[in-house]
C-alpha atoms as a PDB file:
ATOM      1  CA  MET A   1      56.421  17.350 -48.011  1.00  0.00           C
ATOM      2  CA  THR A   2      58.088  14.364 -46.321  1.00  0.00           C
ATOM      3  CA  ASP A   3      59.576  11.854 -48.774  1.00  0.00           C
ATOM      4  CA  HIS A   4      58.487   8.563 -47.226  1.00  0.00           C
ATOM      5  CA  GLY A   5      60.238   6.532 -49.902  1.00  0.00           C
ATOM      6  CA  ARG A   6      63.584   8.127 -49.111  1.00  0.00           C
ATOM      7  CA  ILE A   7      63.054   7.652 -45.388  1.00  0.00           C
ATOM      8  CA  LEU A   8      62.131   4.008 -45.936  1.00  0.00           C
ATOM      9  CA  ASP A   9      65.344   3.548 -47.916  1.00  0.00           C
ATOM     10  CA  ASP A  10      67.283   4.872 -44.919  1.00  0.00           C
ATOM     11  CA  MET A  11      65.367   2.504 -42.626  1.00  0.00           C
ATOM     12  CA  ILE A  12      66.147  -0.408 -44.960  1.00  0.00           C
ATOM     13  CA  ALA A  13      69.851   0.444 -44.957  1.00  0.00           C
ATOM     14  CA  ALA A  14      69.885   0.546 -41.136  1.00  0.00           C
ATOM     15  CA  ALA A  15      67.985  -2.756 -40.882  1.00  0.00           C
ATOM     16  CA  ARG A  16      70.306  -4.510 -43.312  1.00  0.00           C
ATOM     17  CA  GLU A  17      73.351  -3.318 -41.390  1.00  0.00           C
ATOM     18  CA  ALA A  18      71.777  -4.467 -38.130  1.00  0.00           C
ATOM     19  CA  GLY A  19      70.958  -7.766 -39.816  1.00  0.00           C
ATOM     20  CA  GLU A  20      74.595  -8.299 -40.703  1.00  0.00           C
ATOM     21  CA  LEU A  21      75.611  -7.482 -37.129  1.00  0.00           C
ATOM     22  CA  THR A  22      73.061  -9.837 -35.555  1.00  0.00           C
ATOM     23  CA  LEU A  23      73.902 -12.664 -37.942  1.00  0.00           C
ATOM     24  CA  GLY A  24      77.460 -12.496 -36.614  1.00  0.00           C
ATOM     25  CA  HIS A  25      76.078 -13.365 -33.170  1.00  0.00           C
ATOM     26  CA  PHE A  26      73.471 -15.767 -34.569  1.00  0.00           C
ATOM     27  CA  LYS A  27      76.139 -18.028 -36.071  1.00  0.00           C
ATOM     28  CA  HIS A  28      77.387 -18.648 -32.523  1.00  0.00           C
ATOM     29  CA  PHE A  29      74.012 -18.813 -30.780  1.00  0.00           C
ATOM     30  CA  ARG A  30      75.127 -21.606 -28.425  1.00  0.00           C
ATOM     31  CA  ASP A  31      77.678 -19.251 -26.878  1.00  0.00           C
ATOM     32  CA  LEU A  32      75.428 -16.190 -26.400  1.00  0.00           C
ATOM     33  CA  GLU A  33      75.213 -14.496 -23.015  1.00  0.00           C
ATOM     34  CA  ILE A  34      71.495 -14.286 -22.215  1.00  0.00           C
ATOM     35  CA  GLY A  35      69.705 -11.959 -19.816  1.00  0.00           C
ATOM     36  CA  VAL A  36      66.191 -12.491 -18.467  1.00  0.00           C
ATOM     37  CA  LYS A  37      63.832  -9.482 -18.345  1.00  0.00           C
ATOM     38  CA  GLY A  38      60.793 -11.487 -17.226  1.00  0.00           C
ATOM     39  CA  PRO A  39      59.057 -14.854 -17.698  1.00  0.00           C
ATOM     40  CA  GLY A  40      59.871 -15.994 -21.228  1.00  0.00           C
ATOM     41  CA  ASP A  41      61.367 -12.555 -21.997  1.00  0.00           C
ATOM     42  CA  PHE A  42      65.055 -12.696 -22.907  1.00  0.00           C
ATOM     43  CA  VAL A  43      67.692 -10.231 -24.073  1.00  0.00           C
ATOM     44  CA  SER A  44      71.182 -10.652 -25.528  1.00  0.00           C
ATOM     45  CA  ASP A  45      74.112  -8.417 -26.393  1.00  0.00           C
ATOM     46  CA  ALA A  46      72.955  -8.697 -29.996  1.00  0.00           C
ATOM     47  CA  ASP A  47      69.624  -6.993 -29.124  1.00  0.00           C
ATOM     48  CA  ARG A  48      71.429  -4.077 -27.537  1.00  0.00           C
ATOM     49  CA  GLU A  49      74.053  -3.713 -30.246  1.00  0.00           C
ATOM     50  CA  SER A  50      71.416  -3.906 -32.981  1.00  0.00           C
ATOM     51  CA  GLU A  51      69.316  -1.176 -31.374  1.00  0.00           C
ATOM     52  CA  GLN A  52      72.339   1.048 -30.799  1.00  0.00           C
ATOM     53  CA  LEU A  53      73.319   0.707 -34.450  1.00  0.00           C
ATOM     54  CA  ILE A  54      69.825   1.518 -35.719  1.00  0.00           C
ATOM     55  CA  ARG A  55      69.582   4.501 -33.352  1.00  0.00           C
ATOM     56  CA  ARG A  56      72.885   5.916 -34.590  1.00  0.00           C
ATOM     57  CA  ARG A  57      72.000   5.458 -38.251  1.00  0.00           C
ATOM     58  CA  LEU A  58      68.485   6.898 -38.105  1.00  0.00           C
ATOM     59  CA  LEU A  59      69.067   9.739 -35.665  1.00  0.00           C
ATOM     60  CA  SER A  60      72.156  10.895 -37.549  1.00  0.00           C
ATOM     61  CA  ARG A  61      69.876  11.298 -40.579  1.00  0.00           C
ATOM     62  CA  TYR A  62      66.870  12.662 -38.655  1.00  0.00           C
ATOM     63  CA  PRO A  63      68.293  14.271 -35.498  1.00  0.00           C
ATOM     64  CA  ASP A  64      65.126  16.160 -34.579  1.00  0.00           C
ATOM     65  CA  TRP A  65      62.889  13.085 -34.520  1.00  0.00           C
ATOM     66  CA  SER A  66      62.124  10.745 -31.628  1.00  0.00           C
ATOM     67  CA  LEU A  67      62.798   7.019 -31.304  1.00  0.00           C
ATOM     68  CA  THR A  68      61.385   4.305 -29.083  1.00  0.00           C
ATOM     69  CA  GLY A  69      63.139   0.948 -28.928  1.00  0.00           C
ATOM     70  CA  GLU A  70      63.050  -2.211 -26.841  1.00  0.00           C
ATOM     71  CA  GLU A  71      66.296  -2.093 -24.902  1.00  0.00           C
ATOM     72  CA  PHE A  72      66.994   1.557 -24.001  1.00  0.00           C
ATOM     73  CA  ASP A  73      65.117   4.638 -22.862  1.00  0.00           C
ATOM     74  CA  PRO A  74      63.268   6.519 -25.611  1.00  0.00           C
ATOM     75  CA  VAL A  75      64.962   9.405 -27.384  1.00  0.00           C
ATOM     76  CA  GLU A  76      62.762  12.504 -27.355  1.00  0.00           C
ATOM     77  CA  GLY A  77      63.539  14.759 -30.301  1.00  0.00           C
ATOM     78  CA  THR A  78      62.763  18.419 -30.737  1.00  0.00           C
ATOM     79  CA  ASP A  79      60.116  17.535 -33.360  1.00  0.00           C
ATOM     80  CA  PRO A  80      57.289  15.887 -31.401  1.00  0.00           C
ATOM     81  CA  GLU A  81      55.454  14.745 -34.526  1.00  0.00           C
ATOM     82  CA  TYR A  82      57.732  12.007 -35.894  1.00  0.00           C
ATOM     83  CA  ARG A  83      58.862   8.888 -34.025  1.00  0.00           C
ATOM     84  CA  PHE A  84      60.653   5.705 -35.058  1.00  0.00           C
ATOM     85  CA  LEU A  85      59.532   2.466 -33.387  1.00  0.00           C
ATOM     86  CA  VAL A  86      62.326  -0.109 -33.348  1.00  0.00           C
ATOM     87  CA  ASP A  87      62.477  -3.730 -32.297  1.00  0.00           C
ATOM     88  CA  PRO A  88      66.121  -4.673 -32.879  1.00  0.00           C
ATOM     89  CA  ILE A  89      65.419  -8.415 -32.633  1.00  0.00           C
ATOM     90  CA  ASP A  90      61.804  -9.527 -32.633  1.00  0.00           C
ATOM     91  CA  GLY A  91      61.781 -13.159 -31.629  1.00  0.00           C
ATOM     92  CA  THR A  92      64.723 -13.134 -29.230  1.00  0.00           C
ATOM     93  CA  THR A  93      63.808 -16.605 -27.976  1.00  0.00           C
ATOM     94  CA  ASN A  94      64.035 -17.844 -31.570  1.00  0.00           C
ATOM     95  CA  PHE A  95      67.343 -16.010 -31.953  1.00  0.00           C
ATOM     96  CA  ILE A  96      68.998 -17.558 -28.918  1.00  0.00           C
ATOM     97  CA  TYR A  97      67.975 -21.039 -30.092  1.00  0.00           C
ATOM     98  CA  GLY A  98      69.232 -20.534 -33.650  1.00  0.00           C
ATOM     99  CA  GLN A  99      65.827 -19.996 -35.292  1.00  0.00           C
ATOM    100  CA  HIS A 100      64.497 -17.245 -37.579  1.00  0.00           C
ATOM    101  CA  TYR A 101      64.021 -13.762 -36.115  1.00  0.00           C
ATOM    102  CA  THR A 102      63.292 -10.309 -37.503  1.00  0.00           C
ATOM    103  CA  ILE A 103      64.308  -6.675 -37.224  1.00  0.00           C
ATOM    104  CA  THR A 104      61.388  -4.272 -37.484  1.00  0.00           C
ATOM    105  CA  ILE A 105      61.222  -0.487 -37.823  1.00  0.00           C
ATOM    106  CA  ALA A 106      58.184   1.761 -38.254  1.00  0.00           C
ATOM    107  CA  LEU A 107      57.909   5.528 -38.663  1.00  0.00           C
ATOM    108  CA  ARG A 108      54.941   7.163 -36.968  1.00  0.00           C
ATOM    109  CA  ARG A 109      53.515  10.656 -37.294  1.00  0.00           C
ATOM    110  CA  GLY A 110      51.286  11.092 -34.285  1.00  0.00           C
ATOM    111  CA  ARG A 111      48.959   8.054 -34.303  1.00  0.00           C
ATOM    112  CA  GLU A 112      49.599   7.206 -37.968  1.00  0.00           C
ATOM    113  CA  THR A 113      52.168   4.709 -39.261  1.00  0.00           C
ATOM    114  CA  LEU A 114      53.695   6.225 -42.396  1.00  0.00           C
ATOM    115  CA  CYS A 115      56.037   3.438 -43.454  1.00  0.00           C
ATOM    116  CA  GLY A 116      57.672   0.358 -42.032  1.00  0.00           C
ATOM    117  CA  LEU A 117      59.734  -2.746 -42.611  1.00  0.00           C
ATOM    118  CA  VAL A 118      60.150  -6.261 -41.305  1.00  0.00           C
ATOM    119  CA  TYR A 119      63.525  -7.819 -42.131  1.00  0.00           C
ATOM    120  CA  ASN A 120      64.396 -11.489 -41.651  1.00  0.00           C
ATOM    121  CA  PRO A 121      68.215 -11.619 -41.840  1.00  0.00           C
ATOM    122  CA  VAL A 122      68.385 -15.437 -41.864  1.00  0.00           C
ATOM    123  CA  ALA A 123      66.174 -15.710 -44.966  1.00  0.00           C
ATOM    124  CA  ASP A 124      67.325 -12.285 -46.265  1.00  0.00           C
ATOM    125  CA  GLU A 125      63.686 -11.245 -46.772  1.00  0.00           C
ATOM    126  CA  MET A 126      62.810  -7.556 -46.639  1.00  0.00           C
ATOM    127  CA  PHE A 127      59.106  -6.766 -46.236  1.00  0.00           C
ATOM    128  CA  THR A 128      58.253  -3.075 -46.703  1.00  0.00           C
ATOM    129  CA  ALA A 129      55.185  -0.863 -46.826  1.00  0.00           C
ATOM    130  CA  ILE A 130      54.325   2.802 -47.286  1.00  0.00           C
ATOM    131  CA  LYS A 131      50.874   3.968 -46.247  1.00  0.00           C
ATOM    132  CA  GLY A 132      48.733   4.156 -49.371  1.00  0.00           C
ATOM    133  CA  GLY A 133      51.524   2.693 -51.494  1.00  0.00           C
ATOM    134  CA  GLY A 134      51.164  -1.052 -51.002  1.00  0.00           C
ATOM    135  CA  ALA A 135      53.169  -3.798 -49.303  1.00  0.00           C
ATOM    136  CA  PHE A 136      56.146  -5.542 -50.868  1.00  0.00           C
ATOM    137  CA  LEU A 137      58.580  -8.414 -50.353  1.00  0.00           C
ATOM    138  CA  ASP A 138      61.910  -7.625 -51.984  1.00  0.00           C
ATOM    139  CA  GLY A 139      60.078  -5.390 -54.452  1.00  0.00           C
ATOM    140  CA  GLU A 140      57.228  -7.787 -55.292  1.00  0.00           C
ATOM    141  CA  ARG A 141      53.697  -6.531 -54.488  1.00  0.00           C
ATOM    142  CA  LEU A 142      51.952  -8.494 -51.725  1.00  0.00           C
ATOM    143  CA  HIS A 143      48.350  -9.560 -51.244  1.00  0.00           C
ATOM    144  CA  VAL A 144      46.798 -11.483 -48.369  1.00  0.00           C
ATOM    145  CA  SER A 145      45.470 -14.956 -49.094  1.00  0.00           C
ATOM    146  CA  ARG A 146      42.153 -14.995 -50.931  1.00  0.00           C
ATOM    147  CA  SER A 147      41.143 -18.307 -49.341  1.00  0.00           C
ATOM    148  CA  THR A 148      37.718 -18.444 -47.671  1.00  0.00           C
ATOM    149  CA  ASP A 149      37.727 -22.164 -46.842  1.00  0.00           C
ATOM    150  CA  VAL A 150      37.852 -22.713 -43.064  1.00  0.00           C
ATOM    151  CA  GLY A 151      39.478 -26.082 -43.643  1.00  0.00           C
ATOM    152  CA  LEU A 152      42.392 -24.401 -45.428  1.00  0.00           C
ATOM    153  CA  MET A 153      43.036 -21.613 -42.930  1.00  0.00           C
ATOM    154  CA  ALA A 154      46.537 -21.400 -41.469  1.00  0.00           C
ATOM    155  CA  VAL A 155      46.534 -19.327 -38.282  1.00  0.00           C
ATOM    156  CA  GLY A 156      49.576 -18.050 -36.445  1.00  0.00           C
ATOM    157  CA  THR A 157      49.697 -17.397 -32.711  1.00  0.00           C
ATOM    158  CA  GLY A 158      51.945 -17.676 -29.669  1.00  0.00           C
ATOM    159  CA  LEU A 159      51.597 -19.500 -26.376  1.00  0.00           C
ATOM    160  CA  PRO A 160      51.518 -16.820 -23.659  1.00  0.00           C
ATOM    161  CA  THR A 161      53.372 -17.056 -20.375  1.00  0.00           C
ATOM    162  CA  PRO A 162      51.352 -16.900 -17.134  1.00  0.00           C
ATOM    163  CA  ASN A 163      52.244 -13.249 -16.462  1.00  0.00           C
ATOM    164  CA  LEU A 164      49.970 -12.131 -19.332  1.00  0.00           C
ATOM    165  CA  SER A 165      46.468 -11.111 -18.349  1.00  0.00           C
ATOM    166  CA  LEU A 166      44.837 -13.047 -21.191  1.00  0.00           C
ATOM    167  CA  PHE A 167      46.598 -16.286 -20.223  1.00  0.00           C
ATOM    168  CA  PRO A 168      43.700 -18.073 -18.432  1.00  0.00           C
ATOM    169  CA  GLY A 169      42.041 -20.407 -20.918  1.00  0.00           C
ATOM    170  CA  ALA A 170      44.567 -19.784 -23.710  1.00  0.00           C
ATOM    171  CA  TYR A 171      44.993 -23.465 -24.477  1.00  0.00           C
ATOM    172  CA  GLU A 172      41.244 -24.041 -24.462  1.00  0.00           C
ATOM    173  CA  ARG A 173      40.708 -21.181 -26.916  1.00  0.00           C
ATOM    174  CA  LEU A 174      43.469 -22.473 -29.156  1.00  0.00           C
ATOM    175  CA  GLY A 175      41.935 -25.938 -29.088  1.00  0.00           C
ATOM    176  CA  ALA A 176      38.559 -24.602 -30.222  1.00  0.00           C
ATOM    177  CA  ILE A 177      40.159 -22.526 -32.977  1.00  0.00           C
ATOM    178  CA  ARG A 178      42.285 -25.443 -34.140  1.00  0.00           C
ATOM    179  CA  ALA A 179      39.523 -28.035 -34.511  1.00  0.00           C
ATOM    180  CA  PRO A 180      38.186 -27.208 -38.019  1.00  0.00           C
ATOM    181  CA  ILE A 181      41.059 -25.313 -39.631  1.00  0.00           C
ATOM    182  CA  GLY A 182      44.024 -26.500 -41.652  1.00  0.00           C
ATOM    183  CA  ALA A 183      46.895 -25.544 -39.353  1.00  0.00           C
ATOM    184  CA  VAL A 184      48.141 -23.523 -36.405  1.00  0.00           C
ATOM    185  CA  ARG A 185      51.684 -22.224 -36.606  1.00  0.00           C
ATOM    186  CA  ILE A 186      53.895 -20.513 -34.026  1.00  0.00           C
ATOM    187  CA  VAL A 187      56.428 -18.450 -35.959  1.00  0.00           C
ATOM    188  CA  GLY A 188      58.016 -17.013 -32.821  1.00  0.00           C
ATOM    189  CA  SER A 189      58.135 -13.401 -34.039  1.00  0.00           C
ATOM    190  CA  ALA A 190      55.049 -11.189 -34.019  1.00  0.00           C
ATOM    191  CA  ALA A 191      56.504  -9.022 -36.787  1.00  0.00           C
ATOM    192  CA  ASN A 192      57.311 -12.019 -38.967  1.00  0.00           C
ATOM    193  CA  SER A 193      53.840 -13.468 -38.335  1.00  0.00           C
ATOM    194  CA  CYS A 194      52.244 -10.255 -39.617  1.00  0.00           C
ATOM    195  CA  ALA A 195      54.530 -10.302 -42.642  1.00  0.00           C
ATOM    196  CA  TYR A 196      53.482 -13.900 -43.337  1.00  0.00           C
ATOM    197  CA  VAL A 197      49.824 -12.850 -43.296  1.00  0.00           C
ATOM    198  CA  ALA A 198      50.615 -10.032 -45.723  1.00  0.00           C
ATOM    199  CA  CYS A 199      52.218 -12.432 -48.211  1.00  0.00           C
ATOM    200  CA  GLY A 200      49.731 -15.282 -47.746  1.00  0.00           C
ATOM    201  CA  ARG A 201      51.917 -17.774 -45.859  1.00  0.00           C
ATOM    202  CA  LEU A 202      49.404 -17.470 -43.034  1.00  0.00           C
ATOM    203  CA  THR A 203      45.738 -16.579 -43.501  1.00  0.00           C
ATOM    204  CA  GLY A 204      45.617 -14.953 -40.057  1.00  0.00           C
ATOM    205  CA  TYR A 205      47.407 -14.337 -36.793  1.00  0.00           C
ATOM    206  CA  PHE A 206      46.249 -13.522 -33.266  1.00  0.00           C
ATOM    207  CA  GLU A 207      48.204 -12.844 -30.115  1.00  0.00           C
ATOM    208  CA  GLU A 208      48.670 -10.425 -27.258  1.00  0.00           C
ATOM    209  CA  THR A 209      51.894  -8.582 -28.028  1.00  0.00           C
ATOM    210  CA  GLY A 210      53.544  -5.174 -27.890  1.00  0.00           C
ATOM    211  CA  PHE A 211      52.654  -2.555 -30.477  1.00  0.00           C
ATOM    212  CA  GLY A 212      56.317  -1.777 -31.123  1.00  0.00           C
ATOM    213  CA  ASP A 213      56.668  -5.368 -32.387  1.00  0.00           C
ATOM    214  CA  THR A 214      53.746  -5.096 -34.788  1.00  0.00           C
ATOM    215  CA  ALA A 215      53.392  -1.481 -36.007  1.00  0.00           C
ATOM    216  CA  ALA A 216      55.217  -2.171 -39.270  1.00  0.00           C
ATOM    217  CA  GLY A 217      53.556  -5.583 -39.645  1.00  0.00           C
ATOM    218  CA  ILE A 218      50.091  -4.088 -39.203  1.00  0.00           C
ATOM    219  CA  LEU A 219      50.804  -1.622 -42.003  1.00  0.00           C
ATOM    220  CA  LEU A 220      52.021  -4.498 -44.186  1.00  0.00           C
ATOM    221  CA  VAL A 221      48.780  -6.416 -43.660  1.00  0.00           C
ATOM    222  CA  GLU A 222      46.541  -3.415 -44.244  1.00  0.00           C
ATOM    223  CA  GLU A 223      48.404  -2.460 -47.415  1.00  0.00           C
ATOM    224  CA  ALA A 224      48.138  -6.087 -48.615  1.00  0.00           C
ATOM    225  CA  GLY A 225      44.331  -6.030 -48.240  1.00  0.00           C
ATOM    226  CA  GLY A 226      43.976  -7.588 -44.795  1.00  0.00           C
ATOM    227  CA  ILE A 227      41.958  -6.563 -41.751  1.00  0.00           C
ATOM    228  CA  VAL A 228      43.388  -5.563 -38.365  1.00  0.00           C
ATOM    229  CA  THR A 229      41.391  -5.246 -35.124  1.00  0.00           C
ATOM    230  CA  ASP A 230      41.606  -6.319 -31.538  1.00  0.00           C
ATOM    231  CA  TRP A 231      40.027  -9.636 -30.470  1.00  0.00           C
ATOM    232  CA  TRP A 232      36.602  -7.993 -30.220  1.00  0.00           C
ATOM    233  CA  GLY A 233      36.629  -6.058 -33.481  1.00  0.00           C
ATOM    234  CA  ARG A 234      37.869  -2.739 -32.121  1.00  0.00           C
ATOM    235  CA  GLY A 235      40.348  -0.449 -33.856  1.00  0.00           C
ATOM    236  CA  PRO A 236      43.817   0.992 -33.243  1.00  0.00           C
ATOM    237  CA  GLU A 237      42.704   3.274 -30.424  1.00  0.00           C
ATOM    238  CA  ILE A 238      42.317   0.042 -28.420  1.00  0.00           C
ATOM    239  CA  TYR A 239      44.750  -2.546 -29.789  1.00  0.00           C
ATOM    240  CA  GLU A 240      47.715  -0.172 -29.825  1.00  0.00           C
ATOM    241  CA  LYS A 241      47.334   0.044 -26.041  1.00  0.00           C
ATOM    242  CA  THR A 242      46.277  -3.503 -25.127  1.00  0.00           C
ATOM    243  CA  GLY A 243      48.188  -5.562 -27.702  1.00  0.00           C
ATOM    244  CA  ALA A 244      45.296  -8.020 -28.188  1.00  0.00           C
ATOM    245  CA  LEU A 245      45.567  -8.272 -31.954  1.00  0.00           C
ATOM    246  CA  ILE A 246      44.002 -10.045 -34.938  1.00  0.00           C
ATOM    247  CA  VAL A 247      45.573  -9.560 -38.377  1.00  0.00           C
ATOM    248  CA  ALA A 248      44.054 -11.651 -41.137  1.00  0.00           C
ATOM    249  CA  ASN A 249      42.466 -11.966 -44.523  1.00  0.00           C
ATOM    250  CA  PRO A 250      38.715 -11.175 -44.417  1.00  0.00           C
ATOM    251  CA  ALA A 251      37.490 -14.756 -43.998  1.00  0.00           C
ATOM    252  CA  THR A 252      39.986 -15.692 -41.287  1.00  0.00           C
ATOM    253  CA  HIS A 253      39.368 -12.412 -39.492  1.00  0.00           C
ATOM    254  CA  ALA A 254      35.634 -13.181 -39.314  1.00  0.00           C
ATOM    255  CA  TYR A 255      36.393 -16.711 -38.099  1.00  0.00           C
ATOM    256  CA  LEU A 256      38.763 -15.557 -35.348  1.00  0.00           C
ATOM    257  CA  LEU A 257      36.388 -12.832 -34.179  1.00  0.00           C
ATOM    258  CA  ASP A 258      33.674 -15.453 -33.810  1.00  0.00           C
ATOM    259  CA  GLN A 259      35.958 -17.812 -31.897  1.00  0.00           C
ATOM    260  CA  LEU A 260      37.289 -15.116 -29.546  1.00  0.00           C
ATOM    261  CA  ARG A 261      34.075 -13.176 -28.919  1.00  0.00           C
ATOM    262  CA  ASP A 262      33.465 -14.714 -25.484  1.00  0.00           C
ATOM    263  CA  VAL A 263      36.946 -13.994 -24.119  1.00  0.00           C
ATOM    264  CA  PRO A 264      36.671 -11.398 -21.335  1.00  0.00           C
ATOM    265  CA  ARG A 265      37.470  -8.057 -22.928  1.00  0.00           C
ATOM    266  CA  LYS A 266      40.765  -6.379 -22.275  1.00  0.00           C
ATOM    267  CA  ASP A 267      40.444  -2.585 -22.128  1.00  0.00           C
ATOM    268  CA  PRO A 268      43.176   0.043 -21.973  1.00  0.00           C
ATOM    269  CA  ALA A 269      44.408   0.838 -18.482  1.00  0.00           C
END
């Protein structure tokens, strides 16, 4: 039987080491060499070095398993069942401007996320979850916000660039969502946004984003009592492929579903 707690400890150790490495670059963010992968999509040496470090640490411990990251080709292990998903810096735009970012790692077995973490090195906050075992921040059990008051909802999102297929009308949708609620916040990291929902700093979050960014965060929210679907109420068989994601407490989830129901549906390719 796989010891998920032990594996998570190894993932935490790798993330903390990568956090120390990236903070070394972060302290000199004005001098970073930045590459551009696409509109609003940046990469730095810190991204690459962080992913290389995490790859070395995890695959030295679990050499038969696979790993998919952001900056390099996937590693295909001899055991096809287990795969690490790694985003070495989620929120690279934040990172290069000296703002909070995260490192996120999830372990998957087939289509199931077994455990995961979201680490914010700047705040030194480690969010962790094991499937069926709860979600935690530095060892303290997490629960999503219990608020049901629309006027007190705090919703996270991002402002998409024009290359995204859901871009048309994004500002209009955000305006309609914003009108009655308490606040809209752009955290700048999908993983950190999910973690904030899990601990109640946000009541919900919606965006179109990559599943590698959010796999661990989704587990955090589910284990903290939240609801995760795509924008039209569909499950992981859809949102893992399209990235159109809602993570929220029950009341905010119902509110966002209602507000987004008329958006043209995005289906898997």
